[in-house]
Amino acid sequence: MHFSTAEEAYWELRLALASSNGRRITVAKDYAFNWHFLGDYACREAATAMAPAVQALVREAVRHPEFAALLQADETPSKPAPAAASPPTVTAPSATLNMPPVLIRPAAPDLREWAPGKWRSTGGTNSLVIERSLHWSWESSAGGKWSGSGTGDTQDGQLLLRGWHSSGTPMSLRLSREGEALVGELQTSRSYRIMFERE
């Protein structure tokens, strides 16, 4: 585990998983987050990015093509069981099956319906307001006072917000829903990893 808040802000995480069946996998995740040149802001951004960075690492591990093999039983031949002193008892199967309940999760609402509202970045330096029409406004106190606004749309299961930065340059936010958060990338003159939570 390593992190940097110097020129690029990111968590560098590595995880090795070993199974009792002898199989093992190693996964790595470099998780970028909001960079800041002031020490207290940089530390706060690093701290708030830690949990989503670990979640991304775990997601990477579970999606690894060999992850399922870690859960398989050991395939080494076992010793034969000792001979039984008496014949085994056979019990008739029960008339009812003890099946675990099936949980049906309702479909996630469309981002157009779910995303409108007031949002704040996990570091607290960015706020985002999304209207039902997907018109949006953004403000940041990171290294000064910045703002932006524009219109949005959904594309490939993501919320794509495009508009203009207060400096006169184009900006965009490409966000996906992760649990109850919006996570993605803020693009101005450079790209920043960002996570918003509903206010």
N, C-alpha and C. Protein backbone atom coordinates (compact mmCIF):
# COMPACT_ATOMS: atom_id res chain seq x y z
N MET A 1 0.85 -1.16 0.00
CA MET A 1 0.00 0.00 0.00
C MET A 1 0.90 1.23 0.00
N HIS A 2 0.56 2.16 -0.88
CA HIS A 2 1.33 3.39 -1.00
C HIS A 2 0.38 4.47 -1.53
N PHE A 3 0.59 5.71 -1.11
CA PHE A 3 -0.18 6.79 -1.71
C PHE A 3 0.72 7.98 -1.96
N SER A 4 0.25 8.83 -2.88
CA SER A 4 1.00 10.02 -3.22
C SER A 4 0.03 11.18 -3.36
N THR A 5 0.40 12.35 -2.86
CA THR A 5 -0.38 13.56 -3.08
C THR A 5 0.51 14.63 -3.70
N ALA A 6 1.63 14.22 -4.28
CA ALA A 6 2.57 15.18 -4.86
C ALA A 6 2.02 15.69 -6.19
N GLU A 7 2.60 15.33 -7.30
CA GLU A 7 2.14 15.82 -8.60
C GLU A 7 0.88 15.10 -9.06
N GLU A 8 0.75 13.83 -8.72
CA GLU A 8 -0.46 13.07 -9.01
C GLU A 8 -0.95 12.50 -7.69
N ALA A 9 -2.26 12.49 -7.51
CA ALA A 9 -2.82 11.97 -6.26
C ALA A 9 -3.43 10.59 -6.54
N TYR A 10 -2.91 9.56 -5.87
CA TYR A 10 -3.43 8.22 -6.10
C TYR A 10 -3.05 7.31 -4.93
N TRP A 11 -3.87 6.28 -4.75
CA TRP A 11 -3.55 5.17 -3.86
C TRP A 11 -3.03 4.04 -4.73
N GLU A 12 -1.94 3.42 -4.33
CA GLU A 12 -1.38 2.27 -5.04
C GLU A 12 -1.56 1.08 -4.11
N LEU A 13 -2.49 0.19 -4.45
CA LEU A 13 -2.84 -0.93 -3.58
C LEU A 13 -2.53 -2.26 -4.27
N ARG A 14 -2.01 -3.21 -3.52
CA ARG A 14 -1.72 -4.55 -4.00
C ARG A 14 -2.29 -5.54 -2.98
N LEU A 15 -2.85 -6.64 -3.48
CA LEU A 15 -3.45 -7.63 -2.60
C LEU A 15 -3.13 -9.02 -3.13
N ALA A 16 -2.64 -9.89 -2.25
CA ALA A 16 -2.39 -11.29 -2.61
C ALA A 16 -3.39 -12.14 -1.84
N LEU A 17 -4.11 -13.00 -2.55
CA LEU A 17 -5.07 -13.90 -1.94
C LEU A 17 -4.60 -15.34 -2.15
N ALA A 18 -4.57 -16.11 -1.08
CA ALA A 18 -4.15 -17.51 -1.16
C ALA A 18 -5.26 -18.39 -0.61
N SER A 19 -5.50 -19.50 -1.27
CA SER A 19 -6.54 -20.44 -0.86
C SER A 19 -5.90 -21.67 -0.23
N SER A 20 -6.69 -22.38 0.57
CA SER A 20 -6.21 -23.63 1.18
C SER A 20 -6.01 -24.70 0.11
N ASN A 21 -6.55 -24.48 -1.11
CA ASN A 21 -6.35 -25.46 -2.18
C ASN A 21 -5.04 -25.24 -2.94
N GLY A 22 -4.25 -24.27 -2.48
CA GLY A 22 -2.94 -24.03 -3.08
C GLY A 22 -2.93 -22.95 -4.15
N ARG A 23 -4.09 -22.55 -4.61
CA ARG A 23 -4.14 -21.50 -5.64
C ARG A 23 -3.95 -20.14 -5.00
N ARG A 24 -3.45 -19.20 -5.81
CA ARG A 24 -3.25 -17.84 -5.30
C ARG A 24 -3.35 -16.86 -6.45
N ILE A 25 -3.83 -15.66 -6.14
CA ILE A 25 -3.88 -14.58 -7.13
C ILE A 25 -3.35 -13.31 -6.48
N THR A 26 -2.87 -12.42 -7.32
CA THR A 26 -2.43 -11.10 -6.86
C THR A 26 -3.12 -10.07 -7.74
N VAL A 27 -3.71 -9.06 -7.10
CA VAL A 27 -4.35 -7.99 -7.85
C VAL A 27 -3.75 -6.66 -7.42
N ALA A 28 -3.83 -5.69 -8.30
CA ALA A 28 -3.30 -4.36 -8.03
C ALA A 28 -4.31 -3.33 -8.51
N LYS A 29 -4.36 -2.21 -7.81
CA LYS A 29 -5.25 -1.13 -8.21
C LYS A 29 -4.58 0.20 -7.90
N ASP A 30 -4.43 1.03 -8.91
CA ASP A 30 -3.98 2.41 -8.72
C ASP A 30 -5.23 3.27 -8.80
N TYR A 31 -5.60 3.89 -7.70
CA TYR A 31 -6.85 4.64 -7.59
C TYR A 31 -6.54 6.13 -7.47
N ALA A 32 -6.84 6.86 -8.52
CA ALA A 32 -6.58 8.30 -8.53
C ALA A 32 -7.67 9.04 -7.75
N PHE A 33 -7.29 10.15 -7.11
CA PHE A 33 -8.27 10.98 -6.40
C PHE A 33 -7.90 12.43 -6.58
N ASN A 34 -8.73 13.31 -6.03
CA ASN A 34 -8.55 14.76 -6.21
C ASN A 34 -7.19 15.20 -5.69
N TRP A 35 -6.41 15.82 -6.56
CA TRP A 35 -5.10 16.34 -6.18
C TRP A 35 -5.28 17.74 -5.61
N HIS A 36 -4.46 18.09 -4.65
CA HIS A 36 -4.47 19.44 -4.10
C HIS A 36 -3.08 19.81 -3.65
N PHE A 37 -2.71 21.08 -3.81
CA PHE A 37 -1.36 21.51 -3.45
C PHE A 37 -1.25 21.96 -2.00
N LEU A 38 -2.36 22.18 -1.30
CA LEU A 38 -2.30 22.54 0.12
C LEU A 38 -2.33 21.27 0.95
N GLY A 39 -1.44 21.19 1.94
CA GLY A 39 -1.26 19.98 2.73
C GLY A 39 -2.51 19.45 3.38
N ASP A 40 -3.28 20.30 4.08
CA ASP A 40 -4.45 19.80 4.79
C ASP A 40 -5.52 19.30 3.82
N TYR A 41 -5.70 19.99 2.68
CA TYR A 41 -6.65 19.52 1.68
C TYR A 41 -6.17 18.20 1.06
N ALA A 42 -4.89 18.12 0.77
CA ALA A 42 -4.32 16.90 0.17
C ALA A 42 -4.51 15.71 1.09
N CYS A 43 -4.26 15.91 2.38
CA CYS A 43 -4.42 14.81 3.35
C CYS A 43 -5.88 14.39 3.47
N ARG A 44 -6.78 15.38 3.49
CA ARG A 44 -8.21 15.06 3.59
C ARG A 44 -8.66 14.28 2.35
N GLU A 45 -8.23 14.70 1.17
CA GLU A 45 -8.60 13.99 -0.06
C GLU A 45 -8.06 12.56 -0.04
N ALA A 46 -6.80 12.39 0.44
CA ALA A 46 -6.21 11.04 0.52
C ALA A 46 -7.01 10.17 1.48
N ALA A 47 -7.38 10.72 2.62
CA ALA A 47 -8.13 9.94 3.63
C ALA A 47 -9.51 9.55 3.12
N THR A 48 -10.21 10.48 2.48
CA THR A 48 -11.56 10.16 2.02
C THR A 48 -11.54 9.23 0.81
N ALA A 49 -10.45 9.18 0.08
CA ALA A 49 -10.36 8.29 -1.08
C ALA A 49 -9.96 6.87 -0.68
N MET A 50 -9.53 6.66 0.55
CA MET A 50 -9.05 5.34 0.96
C MET A 50 -10.15 4.27 0.85
N ALA A 51 -11.33 4.54 1.40
CA ALA A 51 -12.41 3.53 1.37
C ALA A 51 -12.81 3.17 -0.06
N PRO A 52 -13.08 4.15 -0.94
CA PRO A 52 -13.41 3.74 -2.31
C PRO A 52 -12.24 3.05 -3.02
N ALA A 53 -11.01 3.38 -2.65
CA ALA A 53 -9.85 2.71 -3.25
C ALA A 53 -9.83 1.24 -2.86
N VAL A 54 -10.09 0.95 -1.59
CA VAL A 54 -10.13 -0.45 -1.12
C VAL A 54 -11.30 -1.17 -1.77
N GLN A 55 -12.46 -0.50 -1.89
CA GLN A 55 -13.61 -1.12 -2.57
C GLN A 55 -13.26 -1.46 -4.01
N ALA A 56 -12.56 -0.58 -4.69
CA ALA A 56 -12.17 -0.83 -6.08
C ALA A 56 -11.19 -2.01 -6.14
N LEU A 57 -10.29 -2.13 -5.16
CA LEU A 57 -9.35 -3.25 -5.12
C LEU A 57 -10.09 -4.57 -4.91
N VAL A 58 -11.04 -4.58 -3.98
CA VAL A 58 -11.82 -5.80 -3.73
C VAL A 58 -12.62 -6.18 -4.98
N ARG A 59 -13.22 -5.19 -5.63
CA ARG A 59 -13.96 -5.44 -6.87
C ARG A 59 -13.03 -6.05 -7.92
N GLU A 60 -11.80 -5.54 -8.02
CA GLU A 60 -10.79 -6.06 -8.94
C GLU A 60 -10.49 -7.52 -8.62
N ALA A 61 -10.37 -7.85 -7.33
CA ALA A 61 -10.08 -9.23 -6.92
C ALA A 61 -11.22 -10.17 -7.28
N VAL A 62 -12.45 -9.77 -6.98
CA VAL A 62 -13.61 -10.62 -7.23
C VAL A 62 -13.83 -10.82 -8.73
N ARG A 63 -13.46 -9.85 -9.54
CA ARG A 63 -13.62 -9.96 -11.00
C ARG A 63 -12.44 -10.64 -11.67
N HIS A 64 -11.40 -10.97 -10.90
CA HIS A 64 -10.22 -11.64 -11.47
C HIS A 64 -10.66 -12.98 -12.06
N PRO A 65 -10.18 -13.34 -13.25
CA PRO A 65 -10.62 -14.58 -13.90
C PRO A 65 -10.34 -15.84 -13.09
N GLU A 66 -9.38 -15.81 -12.18
CA GLU A 66 -9.06 -17.01 -11.40
C GLU A 66 -9.60 -16.96 -9.98
N PHE A 67 -10.44 -15.95 -9.66
CA PHE A 67 -10.98 -15.83 -8.30
C PHE A 67 -11.82 -17.04 -7.91
N ALA A 68 -12.69 -17.52 -8.82
CA ALA A 68 -13.55 -18.65 -8.52
C ALA A 68 -12.74 -19.90 -8.15
N ALA A 69 -11.57 -20.05 -8.74
CA ALA A 69 -10.72 -21.22 -8.45
C ALA A 69 -10.24 -21.21 -7.00
N LEU A 70 -10.17 -20.02 -6.39
CA LEU A 70 -9.76 -19.95 -4.98
C LEU A 70 -10.79 -20.60 -4.07
N LEU A 71 -12.04 -20.65 -4.52
CA LEU A 71 -13.14 -21.17 -3.71
C LEU A 71 -13.38 -22.66 -3.91
N GLN A 72 -12.67 -23.27 -4.85
CA GLN A 72 -12.86 -24.70 -5.11
C GLN A 72 -12.16 -25.53 -4.04
N ALA A 73 -12.73 -26.70 -3.80
CA ALA A 73 -12.15 -27.60 -2.81
C ALA A 73 -10.79 -28.10 -3.27
N ASP A 74 -9.99 -28.48 -2.32
CA ASP A 74 -8.67 -29.04 -2.61
C ASP A 74 -8.87 -30.33 -3.39
N GLU A 75 -8.15 -30.48 -4.50
CA GLU A 75 -8.34 -31.65 -5.35
C GLU A 75 -7.32 -32.74 -5.09
N THR A 76 -6.60 -32.67 -3.98
CA THR A 76 -5.65 -33.75 -3.68
C THR A 76 -6.43 -34.95 -3.18
N PRO A 77 -6.02 -36.16 -3.58
CA PRO A 77 -6.77 -37.34 -3.15
C PRO A 77 -6.69 -37.47 -1.63
N SER A 78 -7.83 -37.81 -1.06
CA SER A 78 -7.87 -37.97 0.39
C SER A 78 -7.67 -39.44 0.74
N LYS A 79 -7.34 -39.68 2.00
CA LYS A 79 -7.15 -41.06 2.46
C LYS A 79 -8.50 -41.75 2.52
N PRO A 80 -8.54 -43.04 2.21
CA PRO A 80 -9.82 -43.74 2.30
C PRO A 80 -10.30 -43.75 3.76
N ALA A 81 -11.59 -43.67 3.91
CA ALA A 81 -12.18 -43.66 5.26
C ALA A 81 -12.03 -45.06 5.86
N PRO A 82 -11.82 -45.13 7.16
CA PRO A 82 -11.73 -46.45 7.80
C PRO A 82 -13.07 -47.18 7.69
N ALA A 83 -13.01 -48.52 7.66
CA ALA A 83 -14.21 -49.33 7.54
C ALA A 83 -15.12 -49.06 8.73
N ALA A 84 -16.41 -48.96 8.45
CA ALA A 84 -17.37 -48.66 9.50
C ALA A 84 -17.65 -49.92 10.31
N ALA A 85 -17.85 -49.76 11.60
CA ALA A 85 -18.13 -50.89 12.48
C ALA A 85 -19.54 -51.38 12.29
N SER A 86 -20.48 -50.50 11.95
CA SER A 86 -21.87 -50.92 11.74
C SER A 86 -22.37 -50.24 10.47
N PRO A 87 -23.40 -50.79 9.86
CA PRO A 87 -23.90 -50.20 8.62
C PRO A 87 -24.44 -48.79 8.90
N PRO A 88 -24.32 -47.91 7.91
CA PRO A 88 -24.81 -46.55 8.12
C PRO A 88 -26.33 -46.51 8.22
N THR A 89 -26.82 -45.55 8.94
CA THR A 89 -28.26 -45.35 9.08
C THR A 89 -28.73 -44.48 7.92
N VAL A 90 -29.81 -44.92 7.28
CA VAL A 90 -30.36 -44.15 6.17
C VAL A 90 -31.63 -43.47 6.66
N THR A 91 -31.71 -42.16 6.43
CA THR A 91 -32.87 -41.39 6.84
C THR A 91 -33.63 -40.98 5.59
N ALA A 92 -34.95 -41.13 5.63
CA ALA A 92 -35.77 -40.74 4.49
C ALA A 92 -35.72 -39.22 4.34
N PRO A 93 -35.71 -38.74 3.11
CA PRO A 93 -35.68 -37.30 2.92
C PRO A 93 -36.95 -36.65 3.44
N SER A 94 -36.80 -35.46 3.89
CA SER A 94 -37.92 -34.70 4.43
C SER A 94 -38.84 -34.30 3.30
N ALA A 95 -40.12 -34.13 3.61
CA ALA A 95 -41.11 -33.77 2.59
C ALA A 95 -40.95 -32.31 2.15
N THR A 96 -40.39 -31.48 3.00
CA THR A 96 -40.20 -30.07 2.62
C THR A 96 -38.72 -29.81 2.39
N LEU A 97 -38.46 -28.98 1.45
CA LEU A 97 -37.08 -28.61 1.15
C LEU A 97 -36.73 -27.37 1.94
N ASN A 98 -35.59 -27.39 2.55
CA ASN A 98 -35.11 -26.21 3.27
C ASN A 98 -34.24 -25.39 2.33
N MET A 99 -34.89 -24.55 1.55
CA MET A 99 -34.18 -23.71 0.59
C MET A 99 -33.98 -22.33 1.20
N PRO A 100 -32.81 -21.75 0.99
CA PRO A 100 -32.63 -20.39 1.48
C PRO A 100 -33.54 -19.44 0.72
N PRO A 101 -34.01 -18.38 1.38
CA PRO A 101 -34.90 -17.45 0.68
C PRO A 101 -34.17 -16.76 -0.46
N VAL A 102 -34.89 -16.51 -1.51
CA VAL A 102 -34.33 -15.81 -2.66
C VAL A 102 -34.61 -14.32 -2.49
N LEU A 103 -33.56 -13.55 -2.48
CA LEU A 103 -33.72 -12.11 -2.34
C LEU A 103 -33.79 -11.49 -3.73
N ILE A 104 -34.85 -10.79 -3.98
CA ILE A 104 -34.99 -10.12 -5.27
C ILE A 104 -34.75 -8.64 -5.03
N ARG A 105 -33.69 -8.16 -5.64
CA ARG A 105 -33.32 -6.75 -5.50
C ARG A 105 -34.05 -5.96 -6.57
N PRO A 106 -34.76 -4.88 -6.18
CA PRO A 106 -35.44 -4.09 -7.20
C PRO A 106 -34.43 -3.47 -8.16
N ALA A 107 -34.85 -3.25 -9.37
CA ALA A 107 -33.96 -2.65 -10.37
C ALA A 107 -33.54 -1.27 -9.91
N ALA A 108 -32.29 -0.94 -10.16
CA ALA A 108 -31.78 0.38 -9.79
C ALA A 108 -32.49 1.43 -10.64
N PRO A 109 -32.87 2.55 -10.01
CA PRO A 109 -33.55 3.58 -10.79
C PRO A 109 -32.62 4.17 -11.85
N ASP A 110 -33.24 4.66 -12.91
CA ASP A 110 -32.52 5.32 -13.99
C ASP A 110 -31.75 6.51 -13.41
N LEU A 111 -30.52 6.73 -13.88
CA LEU A 111 -29.72 7.86 -13.39
C LEU A 111 -30.44 9.19 -13.57
N ARG A 112 -31.25 9.32 -14.63
CA ARG A 112 -31.99 10.56 -14.86
C ARG A 112 -32.94 10.85 -13.70
N GLU A 113 -33.48 9.80 -13.12
CA GLU A 113 -34.42 9.96 -12.00
C GLU A 113 -33.69 10.01 -10.67
N TRP A 114 -32.60 9.25 -10.54
CA TRP A 114 -31.91 9.10 -9.26
C TRP A 114 -30.95 10.24 -8.96
N ALA A 115 -30.25 10.77 -9.95
CA ALA A 115 -29.15 11.71 -9.73
C ALA A 115 -29.54 13.12 -9.32
N PRO A 116 -30.69 13.67 -9.73
CA PRO A 116 -30.98 15.05 -9.36
C PRO A 116 -30.93 15.28 -7.84
N GLY A 117 -30.34 16.42 -7.46
CA GLY A 117 -30.22 16.78 -6.05
C GLY A 117 -28.93 17.51 -5.79
N LYS A 118 -28.62 17.68 -4.50
CA LYS A 118 -27.40 18.36 -4.09
C LYS A 118 -26.38 17.33 -3.64
N TRP A 119 -25.14 17.48 -4.12
CA TRP A 119 -24.05 16.54 -3.86
C TRP A 119 -22.84 17.29 -3.35
N ARG A 120 -22.02 16.61 -2.52
CA ARG A 120 -20.77 17.18 -2.03
C ARG A 120 -19.69 16.12 -2.18
N SER A 121 -18.48 16.56 -2.61
CA SER A 121 -17.38 15.61 -2.77
C SER A 121 -16.97 15.09 -1.41
N THR A 122 -16.39 13.89 -1.39
CA THR A 122 -16.00 13.28 -0.13
C THR A 122 -14.96 14.10 0.60
N GLY A 123 -14.18 14.88 -0.11
CA GLY A 123 -13.21 15.78 0.52
C GLY A 123 -13.83 17.08 0.99
N GLY A 124 -15.07 17.34 0.57
CA GLY A 124 -15.78 18.53 1.00
C GLY A 124 -15.46 19.79 0.23
N THR A 125 -14.57 19.72 -0.77
CA THR A 125 -14.17 20.93 -1.48
C THR A 125 -14.98 21.18 -2.75
N ASN A 126 -15.82 20.24 -3.18
CA ASN A 126 -16.61 20.38 -4.39
C ASN A 126 -18.09 20.16 -4.08
N SER A 127 -18.95 20.99 -4.65
CA SER A 127 -20.39 20.77 -4.53
C SER A 127 -20.96 20.72 -5.95
N LEU A 128 -22.01 19.93 -6.10
CA LEU A 128 -22.64 19.73 -7.40
C LEU A 128 -24.14 19.72 -7.21
N VAL A 129 -24.86 20.51 -7.99
CA VAL A 129 -26.32 20.52 -7.97
C VAL A 129 -26.78 20.07 -9.34
N ILE A 130 -27.59 19.00 -9.36
CA ILE A 130 -28.13 18.46 -10.61
C ILE A 130 -29.64 18.64 -10.57
N GLU A 131 -30.19 19.31 -11.58
CA GLU A 131 -31.64 19.52 -11.67
C GLU A 131 -32.29 18.35 -12.40
N ARG A 132 -33.60 18.24 -12.31
CA ARG A 132 -34.33 17.16 -12.98
C ARG A 132 -34.10 17.17 -14.50
N SER A 133 -33.89 18.35 -15.06
CA SER A 133 -33.64 18.48 -16.50
C SER A 133 -32.20 18.10 -16.85
N LEU A 134 -31.40 17.77 -15.83
CA LEU A 134 -29.97 17.47 -15.91
C LEU A 134 -29.12 18.70 -16.21
N HIS A 135 -29.70 19.90 -16.05
CA HIS A 135 -28.86 21.10 -16.00
C HIS A 135 -28.13 21.01 -14.66
N TRP A 136 -26.89 21.45 -14.62
CA TRP A 136 -26.09 21.28 -13.41
C TRP A 136 -25.23 22.52 -13.16
N SER A 137 -24.84 22.66 -11.89
CA SER A 137 -23.89 23.70 -11.50
C SER A 137 -22.92 23.09 -10.50
N TRP A 138 -21.67 23.52 -10.57
CA TRP A 138 -20.59 22.96 -9.76
C TRP A 138 -19.80 24.10 -9.15
N GLU A 139 -19.36 23.94 -7.91
CA GLU A 139 -18.48 24.90 -7.25
C GLU A 139 -17.38 24.15 -6.54
N SER A 140 -16.20 24.77 -6.49
CA SER A 140 -15.07 24.17 -5.79
C SER A 140 -14.32 25.24 -5.02
N SER A 141 -13.85 24.85 -3.83
CA SER A 141 -13.02 25.75 -3.03
C SER A 141 -11.59 25.24 -2.95
N ALA A 142 -11.25 24.27 -3.80
CA ALA A 142 -9.91 23.69 -3.81
C ALA A 142 -8.93 24.64 -4.49
N GLY A 143 -8.07 25.29 -3.72
CA GLY A 143 -7.05 26.18 -4.27
C GLY A 143 -7.61 27.48 -4.82
N GLY A 144 -8.78 27.88 -4.38
CA GLY A 144 -9.41 29.11 -4.86
C GLY A 144 -10.91 28.89 -4.94
N LYS A 145 -11.59 29.78 -5.62
CA LYS A 145 -13.04 29.62 -5.80
C LYS A 145 -13.30 29.44 -7.29
N TRP A 146 -13.86 28.28 -7.65
CA TRP A 146 -14.10 27.91 -9.03
C TRP A 146 -15.55 27.51 -9.19
N SER A 147 -16.05 27.59 -10.39
CA SER A 147 -17.42 27.16 -10.66
C SER A 147 -17.55 26.70 -12.10
N GLY A 148 -18.67 26.09 -12.40
CA GLY A 148 -18.96 25.63 -13.74
C GLY A 148 -20.42 25.26 -13.84
N SER A 149 -20.93 25.15 -15.05
CA SER A 149 -22.33 24.76 -15.24
C SER A 149 -22.49 24.23 -16.66
N GLY A 150 -23.62 23.57 -16.87
CA GLY A 150 -23.89 23.04 -18.19
C GLY A 150 -25.10 22.14 -18.19
N THR A 151 -25.14 21.23 -19.15
CA THR A 151 -26.25 20.30 -19.29
C THR A 151 -25.72 18.87 -19.24
N GLY A 152 -26.62 17.93 -19.03
CA GLY A 152 -26.20 16.54 -18.89
C GLY A 152 -27.03 15.59 -19.70
N ASP A 153 -26.57 14.36 -19.73
CA ASP A 153 -27.25 13.27 -20.42
C ASP A 153 -26.74 11.97 -19.82
N THR A 154 -27.42 10.87 -20.12
CA THR A 154 -26.92 9.56 -19.71
C THR A 154 -26.38 8.86 -20.95
N GLN A 155 -25.28 8.13 -20.74
CA GLN A 155 -24.62 7.44 -21.85
C GLN A 155 -23.92 6.21 -21.30
N ASP A 156 -24.23 5.05 -21.83
CA ASP A 156 -23.61 3.79 -21.41
C ASP A 156 -23.70 3.59 -19.90
N GLY A 157 -24.85 3.90 -19.30
CA GLY A 157 -25.04 3.70 -17.87
C GLY A 157 -24.32 4.73 -17.00
N GLN A 158 -23.79 5.77 -17.61
CA GLN A 158 -23.10 6.82 -16.86
C GLN A 158 -23.81 8.14 -17.05
N LEU A 159 -23.58 9.04 -16.11
CA LEU A 159 -24.09 10.39 -16.20
C LEU A 159 -22.98 11.25 -16.79
N LEU A 160 -23.24 11.89 -17.91
CA LEU A 160 -22.23 12.71 -18.58
C LEU A 160 -22.69 14.16 -18.51
N LEU A 161 -21.95 14.98 -17.74
CA LEU A 161 -22.27 16.39 -17.57
C LEU A 161 -21.21 17.21 -18.31
N ARG A 162 -21.65 18.05 -19.26
CA ARG A 162 -20.72 18.86 -20.03
C ARG A 162 -21.11 20.33 -19.88
N GLY A 163 -20.08 21.18 -19.84
CA GLY A 163 -20.35 22.60 -19.72
C GLY A 163 -19.06 23.40 -19.74
N TRP A 164 -19.10 24.53 -19.02
CA TRP A 164 -17.97 25.45 -19.04
C TRP A 164 -17.49 25.77 -17.63
N HIS A 165 -16.19 25.80 -17.47
CA HIS A 165 -15.51 26.17 -16.23
C HIS A 165 -15.50 27.69 -16.13
N SER A 166 -15.43 28.23 -14.92
CA SER A 166 -15.40 29.69 -14.74
C SER A 166 -14.18 30.34 -15.39
N SER A 167 -13.16 29.55 -15.70
CA SER A 167 -11.98 30.09 -16.37
C SER A 167 -12.20 30.22 -17.88
N GLY A 168 -13.37 29.78 -18.36
CA GLY A 168 -13.67 29.86 -19.78
C GLY A 168 -13.30 28.62 -20.57
N THR A 169 -12.83 27.58 -19.90
CA THR A 169 -12.46 26.34 -20.59
C THR A 169 -13.59 25.32 -20.47
N PRO A 170 -13.71 24.42 -21.43
CA PRO A 170 -14.72 23.36 -21.33
C PRO A 170 -14.42 22.46 -20.13
N MET A 171 -15.47 21.91 -19.55
CA MET A 171 -15.30 20.94 -18.46
C MET A 171 -16.37 19.88 -18.59
N SER A 172 -16.09 18.72 -18.01
CA SER A 172 -17.07 17.65 -18.01
C SER A 172 -16.90 16.80 -16.76
N LEU A 173 -17.98 16.16 -16.39
CA LEU A 173 -17.97 15.17 -15.31
C LEU A 173 -18.58 13.91 -15.88
N ARG A 174 -17.89 12.79 -15.78
CA ARG A 174 -18.40 11.48 -16.19
C ARG A 174 -18.53 10.67 -14.91
N LEU A 175 -19.79 10.40 -14.52
CA LEU A 175 -20.06 9.81 -13.21
C LEU A 175 -20.89 8.54 -13.33
N SER A 176 -20.60 7.57 -12.45
CA SER A 176 -21.36 6.33 -12.35
C SER A 176 -21.88 6.20 -10.93
N ARG A 177 -22.98 5.49 -10.79
CA ARG A 177 -23.51 5.23 -9.46
C ARG A 177 -22.77 4.06 -8.84
N GLU A 178 -22.26 4.25 -7.63
CA GLU A 178 -21.66 3.17 -6.84
C GLU A 178 -22.31 3.24 -5.47
N GLY A 179 -23.25 2.33 -5.23
CA GLY A 179 -24.02 2.39 -3.99
C GLY A 179 -24.87 3.64 -4.00
N GLU A 180 -24.70 4.48 -3.01
CA GLU A 180 -25.43 5.75 -2.93
C GLU A 180 -24.54 6.93 -3.29
N ALA A 181 -23.44 6.68 -3.98
CA ALA A 181 -22.50 7.74 -4.35
C ALA A 181 -22.40 7.85 -5.87
N LEU A 182 -21.96 9.02 -6.32
CA LEU A 182 -21.60 9.24 -7.72
C LEU A 182 -20.08 9.29 -7.78
N VAL A 183 -19.48 8.43 -8.58
CA VAL A 183 -18.04 8.30 -8.64
C VAL A 183 -17.60 8.41 -10.09
N GLY A 184 -16.52 9.13 -10.33
CA GLY A 184 -16.04 9.23 -11.69
C GLY A 184 -14.91 10.21 -11.85
N GLU A 185 -14.99 10.97 -12.94
CA GLU A 185 -13.88 11.82 -13.33
C GLU A 185 -14.38 13.23 -13.63
N LEU A 186 -13.65 14.21 -13.11
CA LEU A 186 -13.87 15.62 -13.41
C LEU A 186 -12.77 16.03 -14.36
N GLN A 187 -13.15 16.51 -15.54
CA GLN A 187 -12.17 16.89 -16.56
C GLN A 187 -12.24 18.39 -16.79
N THR A 188 -11.15 19.08 -16.48
CA THR A 188 -11.00 20.50 -16.82
C THR A 188 -9.75 20.56 -17.68
N SER A 189 -8.76 21.34 -17.28
CA SER A 189 -7.49 21.33 -18.01
C SER A 189 -6.73 20.04 -17.75
N ARG A 190 -7.08 19.33 -16.68
CA ARG A 190 -6.55 18.00 -16.39
C ARG A 190 -7.66 17.16 -15.80
N SER A 191 -7.39 15.92 -15.58
CA SER A 191 -8.41 14.98 -15.12
C SER A 191 -8.25 14.70 -13.64
N TYR A 192 -9.35 14.65 -12.91
CA TYR A 192 -9.34 14.37 -11.47
C TYR A 192 -10.35 13.28 -11.16
N ARG A 193 -9.98 12.35 -10.31
CA ARG A 193 -10.91 11.34 -9.82
C ARG A 193 -11.75 12.02 -8.74
N ILE A 194 -13.07 11.80 -8.74
CA ILE A 194 -13.92 12.47 -7.78
C ILE A 194 -15.04 11.56 -7.34
N MET A 195 -15.50 11.76 -6.10
CA MET A 195 -16.60 10.99 -5.53
C MET A 195 -17.52 11.96 -4.82
N PHE A 196 -18.82 11.90 -5.15
CA PHE A 196 -19.82 12.77 -4.53
C PHE A 196 -20.78 11.93 -3.69
N GLU A 197 -21.17 12.49 -2.56
CA GLU A 197 -22.20 11.89 -1.72
C GLU A 197 -23.35 12.89 -1.62
N ARG A 198 -24.56 12.38 -1.53
CA ARG A 198 -25.74 13.24 -1.48
C ARG A 198 -25.75 14.03 -0.18
N GLU A 199 -26.08 15.32 -0.28
CA GLU A 199 -26.14 16.17 0.93
C GLU A 199 -27.43 15.90 1.67
